[in-house]
Amino acid sequence: MSTFPIELVVNGEAVRASVEPRMHLGDFLRRDLGLTGTHLSCEHGVCGACTVLIDGMPQRSCITFAAACSGTAITTVEGYGDDPVMAALRQAFHEHHALQCGYCTPGMLCTARDIVLRLPGPDARRVRHELAGNLCRCTGYVGIVEAILAVLLKKSSGELAMPVQAAAGAAEAAVATAADDGWVPIDLAEDGEWVEVRQSLALAQGADAAWKHLEDLPLVANCLPGAKITRHEGRRAEGVMDVKFGPVTASFAMRAELDLDAAARRGNMRAEGVDRRSSTRVKTLLDYDVVPVDAGHCKVALQLRFRLAGPLAQFSRAGLVNDYVAELTRRFGVNLGNAMAGVTAAAPVEAPGLFAMLMVRLRRLFGG
């Protein structure tokens, strides 16, 4: 089987290796690097025992391909060093008898650290909700919850020093860097496997009039269901993209930039982002061309290519993500057409739900 070269940082040390494309991160850490503190149990992303930090955010290593982690920073239970939050959690777990067999403990500590970083103070109900993805067969969770609450109390009282930018995700940190040091260009290599969706939108406007609308980045971005711009400078923007896929929700911190060729009436929008909760990363390329039909009509040809890496990428195996993006692109076209026509009375078409995806598949199956 062919292998892929990867370069990443594990517990502060640079690592170069070649991995098989189907090797998950948990096996790579344990077998290739000897970091056996990362425990594997269900290997389906359910129990949380294998949870590690990827670019500072908890992620299941059993459903994350090692090849997809190239260029990231990984922290396992062996690599927290002098981290004050983890030191406080280890002491609290000891004092509150928050472990018995200890098999779930490495992943539990990783999740607990993330909880402490994000919550402002003790909240037992919220802590129990946040721990739902980490299973413990021994303790009944009472000691674990008490330990986390004790550390949260130290945080809220100012007794516990917090790491700088501890709660910031990879995309959010990039946004902060951009704000201080200028925009970091988005470079998306077009080689590799991209999922592609094409749509065509007929407009009752001339090509020149339609193009003036498409030069407006906020207008284009706001037509995408679930998208919200938080910062805009020229042809660059930052914002949030909310996605709901059945019971799964994600909120991607996004950056986008737009290149325009006015003479050819052609636009290219590149975007990248990360969902802080799942650490799923997305990269997208949206190309659009305005093609004149006659003096009062034109056609907008849309081509959307996207690539997912992380836990949510598993949904693309069944093609559901492809259907979701195809329907999302269609609804983007509807919103864009309404915006160009000056239709403001109707609410924007929202992002599709799981029922809409099932209807798409049924229409395809029966030729409707």
Foldseek 3Di string as FASTA:
>chain_A
DAWDWAWEAELRRIDIDTGDQPAFQLCCCCPVVVNPCQADDPLPQFAQQRWWAKQLFTARRSQFGPNLNGPIYIYWLVRCPVQQLLVLLVVLCVVLVVDDPCSSVRRLSSLLSLVLVPDQAQDLVVVVVSCNRHDDPPDPCPSVSRSSRVSRHCNNVVNTDHDPCSNDGPLRVQVVCCVVPNHDDDDDDPDDDKQKAKDKFKAQAFLLLLLVQVLDQVLLQVLQAQWDWDDDDRQKTWTWRWDAEPPDIFIWTKIKGKDADSVQSKIKMWMKTAGRNFRKIKIKIWIWGWAGDDRRMIMIMIMMIMDIGTDVCVVCVVPLVVLQVNVSVVLSSVSSNCVSVVNDPDDRDHRDYNVVSVVVVVCVVVVD
